[in-house]
Every structure is written in structure tokens, then in C-alpha cells.
Amino acid sequence: MNLPFFIVREKAFVKRHPELVERYKKILRLLELNPSHPSLKLHKLKGRFSDKHAVSITYAYRIVITLIVADNEIIFIDIGHHGEVY
């Protein structure tokens, strides 16, 4: 999966969930400022996603990311319902 895929998924997510747009923007700001912030509920994934992490938007919705700590880089992989992104 690559950035264009994420952009398509992000646009669809925002269109389907306008009530979550402000929360999503807050999550993005927090990721930029402090990826370890407790409210992000950042967690390492297992299995086929063992090289990825996830951040909670709400209980049901997640953002799947790759964290490259050495370069202070975050690569967005997917966004959507818990059952869709895993």
C-alpha cells in the first residue's frame, strides 16, 4: 500500500464520517507533535502487520502507520474501521 492509496481511503473516510473530521485533524496534529501521546493509543501490530503501528481515532476507527523512528518519519498506510484496516 502506498500514499496514493491512503489519500483515496482518507477522502472516502472523511466523506463517510464528517462528524469525525475535527477529531481526525486533532489526531494528525498530535502525531506530528508527539507520537507517544497517550490519547493516540499508539500500538504495535502483530501478524502480517508486525512492521506497522496503529493509532485510534475512536474505539471503532484506526489509522495504520509505519513509524520510522530514525528519520522522525510517519508513513500513513490505511484509515478506516477496525475490521477494514486489519
PDB file of N, CA and C in Angstrom:
ATOM      1  N   MET A   1       0.850  -1.177   0.000  1.00  0.00           N
ATOM      2  CA  MET A   1       0.000   0.000   0.000  1.00  0.00           C
ATOM      3  C   MET A   1       0.889   1.230   0.000  1.00  0.00           C
ATOM      4  N   ASN A   2       0.416   2.273  -0.643  1.00  0.00           N
ATOM      5  CA  ASN A   2       1.243   3.462  -0.754  1.00  0.00           C
ATOM      6  C   ASN A   2       0.433   4.716  -0.474  1.00  0.00           C
ATOM      7  N   LEU A   3       1.104   5.852  -0.522  1.00  0.00           N
ATOM      8  CA  LEU A   3       0.447   7.112  -0.183  1.00  0.00           C
ATOM      9  C   LEU A   3      -0.785   7.390  -1.042  1.00  0.00           C
ATOM     10  N   PRO A   4      -0.755   7.201  -2.372  1.00  0.00           N
ATOM     11  CA  PRO A   4      -2.000   7.436  -3.127  1.00  0.00           C
ATOM     12  C   PRO A   4      -3.168   6.591  -2.625  1.00  0.00           C
ATOM     13  N   PHE A   5      -2.891   5.349  -2.207  1.00  0.00           N
ATOM     14  CA  PHE A   5      -3.944   4.504  -1.647  1.00  0.00           C
ATOM     15  C   PHE A   5      -4.509   5.149  -0.389  1.00  0.00           C
ATOM     16  N   PHE A   6      -3.615   5.643   0.487  1.00  0.00           N
ATOM     17  CA  PHE A   6      -4.079   6.275   1.719  1.00  0.00           C
ATOM     18  C   PHE A   6      -4.922   7.505   1.414  1.00  0.00           C
ATOM     19  N   ILE A   7      -4.521   8.300   0.452  1.00  0.00           N
ATOM     20  CA  ILE A   7      -5.270   9.521   0.112  1.00  0.00           C
ATOM     21  C   ILE A   7      -6.682   9.169  -0.339  1.00  0.00           C
ATOM     22  N   VAL A   8      -6.813   8.142  -1.141  1.00  0.00           N
ATOM     23  CA  VAL A   8      -8.141   7.694  -1.588  1.00  0.00           C
ATOM     24  C   VAL A   8      -8.964   7.236  -0.392  1.00  0.00           C
ATOM     25  N   ARG A   9      -8.339   6.435   0.486  1.00  0.00           N
ATOM     26  CA  ARG A   9      -9.043   5.934   1.666  1.00  0.00           C
ATOM     27  C   ARG A   9      -9.415   7.084   2.611  1.00  0.00           C
ATOM     28  N   GLU A  10      -8.513   8.053   2.757  1.00  0.00           N
ATOM     29  CA  GLU A  10      -8.767   9.203   3.624  1.00  0.00           C
ATOM     30  C   GLU A  10      -9.954  10.026   3.115  1.00  0.00           C
ATOM     31  N   LYS A  11      -9.983  10.285   1.822  1.00  0.00           N
ATOM     32  CA  LYS A  11     -11.103  11.047   1.241  1.00  0.00           C
ATOM     33  C   LYS A  11     -12.424  10.330   1.468  1.00  0.00           C
ATOM     34  N   ALA A  12     -12.438   9.022   1.278  1.00  0.00           N
ATOM     35  CA  ALA A  12     -13.661   8.246   1.491  1.00  0.00           C
ATOM     36  C   ALA A  12     -14.058   8.275   2.966  1.00  0.00           C
ATOM     37  N   PHE A  13     -13.069   8.152   3.856  1.00  0.00           N
ATOM     38  CA  PHE A  13     -13.345   8.174   5.292  1.00  0.00           C
ATOM     39  C   PHE A  13     -13.961   9.507   5.700  1.00  0.00           C
ATOM     40  N   VAL A  14     -13.374  10.600   5.260  1.00  0.00           N
ATOM     41  CA  VAL A  14     -13.873  11.940   5.601  1.00  0.00           C
ATOM     42  C   VAL A  14     -15.283  12.152   5.049  1.00  0.00           C
ATOM     43  N   LYS A  15     -15.524  11.661   3.857  1.00  0.00           N
ATOM     44  CA  LYS A  15     -16.853  11.812   3.248  1.00  0.00           C
ATOM     45  C   LYS A  15     -17.912  11.002   4.013  1.00  0.00           C
ATOM     46  N   ARG A  16     -17.547   9.801   4.438  1.00  0.00           N
ATOM     47  CA  ARG A  16     -18.488   8.945   5.160  1.00  0.00           C
ATOM     48  C   ARG A  16     -18.680   9.360   6.611  1.00  0.00           C
ATOM     49  N   HIS A  17     -17.664  10.039   7.174  1.00  0.00           N
ATOM     50  CA  HIS A  17     -17.686  10.355   8.602  1.00  0.00           C
ATOM     51  C   HIS A  17     -17.358  11.825   8.868  1.00  0.00           C
ATOM     52  N   PRO A  18     -18.183  12.753   8.368  1.00  0.00           N
ATOM     53  CA  PRO A  18     -17.890  14.174   8.596  1.00  0.00           C
ATOM     54  C   PRO A  18     -17.868  14.534  10.081  1.00  0.00           C
ATOM     55  N   GLU A  19     -18.559  13.763  10.898  1.00  0.00           N
ATOM     56  CA  GLU A  19     -18.583  14.020  12.339  1.00  0.00           C
ATOM     57  C   GLU A  19     -17.232  13.730  13.005  1.00  0.00           C
ATOM     58  N   LEU A  20     -16.345  13.023  12.309  1.00  0.00           N
ATOM     59  CA  LEU A  20     -15.039  12.689  12.863  1.00  0.00           C
ATOM     60  C   LEU A  20     -13.897  13.540  12.312  1.00  0.00           C
ATOM     61  N   VAL A  21     -14.201  14.474  11.417  1.00  0.00           N
ATOM     62  CA  VAL A  21     -13.145  15.262  10.763  1.00  0.00           C
ATOM     63  C   VAL A  21     -12.315  16.046  11.779  1.00  0.00           C
ATOM     64  N   GLU A  22     -12.949  16.720  12.716  1.00  0.00           N
ATOM     65  CA  GLU A  22     -12.188  17.507  13.702  1.00  0.00           C
ATOM     66  C   GLU A  22     -11.332  16.599  14.576  1.00  0.00           C
ATOM     67  N   ARG A  23     -11.882  15.477  14.976  1.00  0.00           N
ATOM     68  CA  ARG A  23     -11.107  14.526  15.788  1.00  0.00           C
ATOM     69  C   ARG A  23      -9.926  13.991  14.977  1.00  0.00           C
ATOM     70  N   TYR A  24     -10.143  13.688  13.715  1.00  0.00           N
ATOM     71  CA  TYR A  24      -9.082  13.199  12.832  1.00  0.00           C
ATOM     72  C   TYR A  24      -7.966  14.242  12.707  1.00  0.00           C
ATOM     73  N   LYS A  25      -8.344  15.501  12.526  1.00  0.00           N
ATOM     74  CA  LYS A  25      -7.347  16.573  12.426  1.00  0.00           C
ATOM     75  C   LYS A  25      -6.539  16.684  13.721  1.00  0.00           C
ATOM     76  N   LYS A  26      -7.213  16.526  14.855  1.00  0.00           N
ATOM     77  CA  LYS A  26      -6.527  16.579  16.143  1.00  0.00           C
ATOM     78  C   LYS A  26      -5.522  15.436  16.256  1.00  0.00           C
ATOM     79  N   ILE A  27      -5.915  14.257  15.811  1.00  0.00           N
ATOM     80  CA  ILE A  27      -5.030  13.092  15.835  1.00  0.00           C
ATOM     81  C   ILE A  27      -3.794  13.364  14.982  1.00  0.00           C
ATOM     82  N   LEU A  28      -3.981  13.932  13.808  1.00  0.00           N
ATOM     83  CA  LEU A  28      -2.841  14.234  12.932  1.00  0.00           C
ATOM     84  C   LEU A  28      -1.895  15.240  13.585  1.00  0.00           C
ATOM     85  N   ARG A  29      -2.452  16.262  14.237  1.00  0.00           N
ATOM     86  CA  ARG A  29      -1.610  17.253  14.923  1.00  0.00           C
ATOM     87  C   ARG A  29      -0.825  16.595  16.058  1.00  0.00           C
ATOM     88  N   LEU A  30      -1.487  15.749  16.825  1.00  0.00           N
ATOM     89  CA  LEU A  30      -0.811  15.053  17.910  1.00  0.00           C
ATOM     90  C   LEU A  30       0.293  14.132  17.395  1.00  0.00           C
ATOM     91  N   LEU A  31       0.033  13.441  16.306  1.00  0.00           N
ATOM     92  CA  LEU A  31       1.055  12.582  15.714  1.00  0.00           C
ATOM     93  C   LEU A  31       2.290  13.395  15.334  1.00  0.00           C
ATOM     94  N   GLU A  32       2.061  14.567  14.789  1.00  0.00           N
ATOM     95  CA  GLU A  32       3.170  15.425  14.378  1.00  0.00           C
ATOM     96  C   GLU A  32       3.949  15.937  15.592  1.00  0.00           C
ATOM     97  N   LEU A  33       3.224  16.340  16.627  1.00  0.00           N
ATOM     98  CA  LEU A  33       3.863  16.934  17.803  1.00  0.00           C
ATOM     99  C   LEU A  33       4.459  15.898  18.764  1.00  0.00           C
ATOM    100  N   ASN A  34       3.708  14.813  18.977  1.00  0.00           N
ATOM    101  CA  ASN A  34       4.141  13.829  19.970  1.00  0.00           C
ATOM    102  C   ASN A  34       3.492  12.472  19.682  1.00  0.00           C
ATOM    103  N   PRO A  35       4.125  11.653  18.843  1.00  0.00           N
ATOM    104  CA  PRO A  35       3.526  10.350  18.511  1.00  0.00           C
ATOM    105  C   PRO A  35       3.311   9.445  19.726  1.00  0.00           C
ATOM    106  N   SER A  36       3.954   9.747  20.836  1.00  0.00           N
ATOM    107  CA  SER A  36       3.792   8.932  22.042  1.00  0.00           C
ATOM    108  C   SER A  36       2.683   9.422  22.962  1.00  0.00           C
ATOM    109  N   HIS A  37       1.947  10.435  22.550  1.00  0.00           N
ATOM    110  CA  HIS A  37       0.894  10.987  23.401  1.00  0.00           C
ATOM    111  C   HIS A  37      -0.112   9.883  23.744  1.00  0.00           C
ATOM    112  N   PRO A  38      -0.446   9.728  25.023  1.00  0.00           N
ATOM    113  CA  PRO A  38      -1.334   8.631  25.457  1.00  0.00           C
ATOM    114  C   PRO A  38      -2.702   8.606  24.772  1.00  0.00           C
ATOM    115  N   SER A  39      -3.242   9.761  24.427  1.00  0.00           N
ATOM    116  CA  SER A  39      -4.587   9.760  23.825  1.00  0.00           C
ATOM    117  C   SER A  39      -4.597   9.161  22.423  1.00  0.00           C
ATOM    118  N   LEU A  40      -3.437   9.008  21.794  1.00  0.00           N
ATOM    119  CA  LEU A  40      -3.377   8.386  20.469  1.00  0.00           C
ATOM    120  C   LEU A  40      -3.559   6.871  20.539  1.00  0.00           C
ATOM    121  N   LYS A  41      -3.254   6.310  21.696  1.00  0.00           N
ATOM    122  CA  LYS A  41      -3.327   4.855  21.874  1.00  0.00           C
ATOM    123  C   LYS A  41      -2.506   4.136  20.805  1.00  0.00           C
ATOM    124  N   LEU A  42      -1.326   4.682  20.542  1.00  0.00           N
ATOM    125  CA  LEU A  42      -0.407   4.092  19.568  1.00  0.00           C
ATOM    126  C   LEU A  42      -0.011   2.698  20.039  1.00  0.00           C
ATOM    127  N   HIS A  43      -0.133   1.724  19.137  1.00  0.00           N
ATOM    128  CA  HIS A  43       0.247   0.370  19.496  1.00  0.00           C
ATOM    129  C   HIS A  43       0.819  -0.360  18.289  1.00  0.00           C
ATOM    130  N   LYS A  44       1.783  -1.224  18.573  1.00  0.00           N
ATOM    131  CA  LYS A  44       2.405  -2.033  17.539  1.00  0.00           C
ATOM    132  C   LYS A  44       1.447  -3.163  17.182  1.00  0.00           C
ATOM    133  N   LEU A  45       1.388  -3.465  15.906  1.00  0.00           N
ATOM    134  CA  LEU A  45       0.504  -4.528  15.441  1.00  0.00           C
ATOM    135  C   LEU A  45       1.235  -5.860  15.400  1.00  0.00           C
ATOM    136  N   LYS A  46       0.488  -6.933  15.207  1.00  0.00           N
ATOM    137  CA  LYS A  46       1.048  -8.283  15.182  1.00  0.00           C
ATOM    138  C   LYS A  46       0.723  -8.958  13.857  1.00  0.00           C
ATOM    139  N   GLY A  47       1.237 -10.145  13.686  1.00  0.00           N
ATOM    140  CA  GLY A  47       0.944 -10.937  12.494  1.00  0.00           C
ATOM    141  C   GLY A  47       1.493 -10.309  11.234  1.00  0.00           C
ATOM    142  N   ARG A  48       0.689 -10.308  10.188  1.00  0.00           N
ATOM    143  CA  ARG A  48       1.161  -9.781   8.900  1.00  0.00           C
ATOM    144  C   ARG A  48       1.422  -8.285   8.938  1.00  0.00           C
ATOM    145  N   PHE A  49       0.963  -7.603   9.976  1.00  0.00           N
ATOM    146  CA  PHE A  49       1.198  -6.169  10.135  1.00  0.00           C
ATOM    147  C   PHE A  49       2.253  -5.883  11.205  1.00  0.00           C
ATOM    148  N   SER A  50       3.108  -6.846  11.505  1.00  0.00           N
ATOM    149  CA  SER A  50       4.041  -6.701  12.623  1.00  0.00           C
ATOM    150  C   SER A  50       5.042  -5.559  12.439  1.00  0.00           C
ATOM    151  N   ASP A  51       5.183  -5.054  11.232  1.00  0.00           N
ATOM    152  CA  ASP A  51       6.081  -3.918  10.997  1.00  0.00           C
ATOM    153  C   ASP A  51       5.325  -2.584  11.021  1.00  0.00           C
ATOM    154  N   LYS A  52       4.058  -2.615  11.419  1.00  0.00           N
ATOM    155  CA  LYS A  52       3.203  -1.426  11.419  1.00  0.00           C
ATOM    156  C   LYS A  52       2.735  -1.093  12.835  1.00  0.00           C
ATOM    157  N   HIS A  53       2.187   0.099  12.963  1.00  0.00           N
ATOM    158  CA  HIS A  53       1.557   0.557  14.209  1.00  0.00           C
ATOM    159  C   HIS A  53       0.154   1.050  13.862  1.00  0.00           C
ATOM    160  N   ALA A  54      -0.667   1.219  14.876  1.00  0.00           N
ATOM    161  CA  ALA A  54      -1.996   1.786  14.672  1.00  0.00           C
ATOM    162  C   ALA A  54      -2.240   2.863  15.716  1.00  0.00           C
ATOM    163  N   VAL A  55      -3.058   3.824  15.325  1.00  0.00           N
ATOM    164  CA  VAL A  55      -3.475   4.926  16.179  1.00  0.00           C
ATOM    165  C   VAL A  55      -4.997   4.927  16.180  1.00  0.00           C
ATOM    166  N   SER A  56      -5.591   5.134  17.339  1.00  0.00           N
ATOM    167  CA  SER A  56      -7.048   5.151  17.441  1.00  0.00           C
ATOM    168  C   SER A  56      -7.605   6.537  17.129  1.00  0.00           C
ATOM    169  N   ILE A  57      -8.607   6.574  16.276  1.00  0.00           N
ATOM    170  CA  ILE A  57      -9.387   7.798  16.073  1.00  0.00           C
ATOM    171  C   ILE A  57     -10.549   7.766  17.068  1.00  0.00           C
ATOM    172  N   THR A  58     -11.239   6.638  17.066  1.00  0.00           N
ATOM    173  CA  THR A  58     -12.273   6.329  18.058  1.00  0.00           C
ATOM    174  C   THR A  58     -12.102   4.854  18.400  1.00  0.00           C
ATOM    175  N   TYR A  59     -12.996   4.340  19.212  1.00  0.00           N
ATOM    176  CA  TYR A  59     -12.939   2.917  19.550  1.00  0.00           C
ATOM    177  C   TYR A  59     -13.002   2.053  18.292  1.00  0.00           C
ATOM    178  N   ALA A  60     -13.778   2.469  17.305  1.00  0.00           N
ATOM    179  CA  ALA A  60     -14.009   1.655  16.119  1.00  0.00           C
ATOM    180  C   ALA A  60     -13.096   1.981  14.942  1.00  0.00           C
ATOM    181  N   TYR A  61     -12.487   3.163  14.906  1.00  0.00           N
ATOM    182  CA  TYR A  61     -11.736   3.599  13.728  1.00  0.00           C
ATOM    183  C   TYR A  61     -10.267   3.786  14.038  1.00  0.00           C
ATOM    184  N   ARG A  62      -9.422   3.362  13.076  1.00  0.00           N
ATOM    185  CA  ARG A  62      -7.977   3.373  13.258  1.00  0.00           C
ATOM    186  C   ARG A  62      -7.275   3.995  12.053  1.00  0.00           C
ATOM    187  N   ILE A  63      -6.040   4.430  12.309  1.00  0.00           N
ATOM    188  CA  ILE A  63      -5.113   4.803  11.256  1.00  0.00           C
ATOM    189  C   ILE A  63      -3.941   3.836  11.393  1.00  0.00           C
ATOM    190  N   VAL A  64      -3.606   3.140  10.314  1.00  0.00           N
ATOM    191  CA  VAL A  64      -2.457   2.248  10.319  1.00  0.00           C
ATOM    192  C   VAL A  64      -1.281   3.020   9.735  1.00  0.00           C
ATOM    193  N   ILE A  65      -0.144   2.968  10.442  1.00  0.00           N
ATOM    194  CA  ILE A  65       1.025   3.744  10.026  1.00  0.00           C
ATOM    195  C   ILE A  65       2.295   2.905  10.130  1.00  0.00           C
ATOM    196  N   THR A  66       3.314   3.372   9.441  1.00  0.00           N
ATOM    197  CA  THR A  66       4.663   2.878   9.639  1.00  0.00           C
ATOM    198  C   THR A  66       5.440   4.002  10.289  1.00  0.00           C
ATOM    199  N   LEU A  67       6.068   3.714  11.405  1.00  0.00           N
ATOM    200  CA  LEU A  67       6.901   4.703  12.094  1.00  0.00           C
ATOM    201  C   LEU A  67       8.357   4.399  11.776  1.00  0.00           C
ATOM    202  N   ILE A  68       9.046   5.382  11.263  1.00  0.00           N
ATOM    203  CA  ILE A  68      10.478   5.255  11.039  1.00  0.00           C
ATOM    204  C   ILE A  68      11.130   6.208  12.023  1.00  0.00           C
ATOM    205  N   VAL A  69      11.484   5.684  13.162  1.00  0.00           N
ATOM    206  CA  VAL A  69      11.948   6.500  14.280  1.00  0.00           C
ATOM    207  C   VAL A  69      13.256   7.208  13.957  1.00  0.00           C
ATOM    208  N   ALA A  70      14.168   6.553  13.265  1.00  0.00           N
ATOM    209  CA  ALA A  70      15.475   7.134  12.984  1.00  0.00           C
ATOM    210  C   ALA A  70      15.362   8.426  12.190  1.00  0.00           C
ATOM    211  N   ASP A  71      14.412   8.502  11.319  1.00  0.00           N
ATOM    212  CA  ASP A  71      14.241   9.678  10.468  1.00  0.00           C
ATOM    213  C   ASP A  71      13.088  10.564  10.905  1.00  0.00           C
ATOM    214  N   ASN A  72      12.490  10.260  12.073  1.00  0.00           N
ATOM    215  CA  ASN A  72      11.310  11.000  12.530  1.00  0.00           C
ATOM    216  C   ASN A  72      10.250  11.084  11.439  1.00  0.00           C
ATOM    217  N   GLU A  73       9.947   9.967  10.861  1.00  0.00           N
ATOM    218  CA  GLU A  73       9.029   9.912   9.734  1.00  0.00           C
ATOM    219  C   GLU A  73       7.837   9.020  10.065  1.00  0.00           C
ATOM    220  N   ILE A  74       6.674   9.440   9.617  1.00  0.00           N
ATOM    221  CA  ILE A  74       5.455   8.640   9.735  1.00  0.00           C
ATOM    222  C   ILE A  74       4.902   8.447   8.339  1.00  0.00           C
ATOM    223  N   ILE A  75       4.684   7.208   7.958  1.00  0.00           N
ATOM    224  CA  ILE A  75       4.098   6.894   6.657  1.00  0.00           C
ATOM    225  C   ILE A  75       2.701   6.353   6.908  1.00  0.00           C
ATOM    226  N   PHE A  76       1.705   7.007   6.350  1.00  0.00           N
ATOM    227  CA  PHE A  76       0.321   6.597   6.527  1.00  0.00           C
ATOM    228  C   PHE A  76      -0.002   5.478   5.551  1.00  0.00           C
ATOM    229  N   ILE A  77      -0.590   4.412   6.077  1.00  0.00           N
ATOM    230  CA  ILE A  77      -0.876   3.218   5.290  1.00  0.00           C
ATOM    231  C   ILE A  77      -2.363   3.097   4.979  1.00  0.00           C
ATOM    232  N   ASP A  78      -3.211   3.204   6.003  1.00  0.00           N
ATOM    233  CA  ASP A  78      -4.647   2.994   5.805  1.00  0.00           C
ATOM    234  C   ASP A  78      -5.416   3.707   6.909  1.00  0.00           C
ATOM    235  N   ILE A  79      -6.675   3.961   6.639  1.00  0.00           N
ATOM    236  CA  ILE A  79      -7.584   4.567   7.607  1.00  0.00           C
ATOM    237  C   ILE A  79      -8.950   3.938   7.410  1.00  0.00           C
ATOM    238  N   GLY A  80      -9.626   3.656   8.500  1.00  0.00           N
ATOM    239  CA  GLY A  80     -10.964   3.100   8.379  1.00  0.00           C
ATOM    240  C   GLY A  80     -11.368   2.336   9.618  1.00  0.00           C
ATOM    241  N   HIS A  81     -12.437   1.607   9.477  1.00  0.00           N
ATOM    242  CA  HIS A  81     -12.983   0.807  10.566  1.00  0.00           C
ATOM    243  C   HIS A  81     -11.983  -0.279  10.944  1.00  0.00           C
ATOM    244  N   HIS A  82     -11.950  -0.592  12.216  1.00  0.00           N
ATOM    245  CA  HIS A  82     -11.045  -1.601  12.767  1.00  0.00           C
ATOM    246  C   HIS A  82     -11.028  -2.859  11.896  1.00  0.00           C
ATOM    247  N   GLY A  83     -12.190  -3.338  11.510  1.00  0.00           N
ATOM    248  CA  GLY A  83     -12.280  -4.554  10.710  1.00  0.00           C
ATOM    249  C   GLY A  83     -11.811  -4.398   9.270  1.00  0.00           C
ATOM    250  N   GLU A  84     -11.773  -3.179   8.765  1.00  0.00           N
ATOM    251  CA  GLU A  84     -11.341  -2.940   7.385  1.00  0.00           C
ATOM    252  C   GLU A  84      -9.831  -2.819   7.250  1.00  0.00           C
ATOM    253  N   VAL A  85      -9.184  -2.234   8.230  1.00  0.00           N
ATOM    254  CA  VAL A  85      -7.771  -1.922   8.070  1.00  0.00           C
ATOM    255  C   VAL A  85      -6.839  -3.053   8.498  1.00  0.00           C
ATOM    256  N   TYR A  86      -7.369  -4.052   9.216  1.00  0.00           N
ATOM    257  CA  TYR A  86      -6.517  -5.152   9.654  1.00  0.00           C
ATOM    258  C   TYR A  86      -6.738  -6.376   8.807  1.00  0.00           C
TER     259      TYR A  86
END
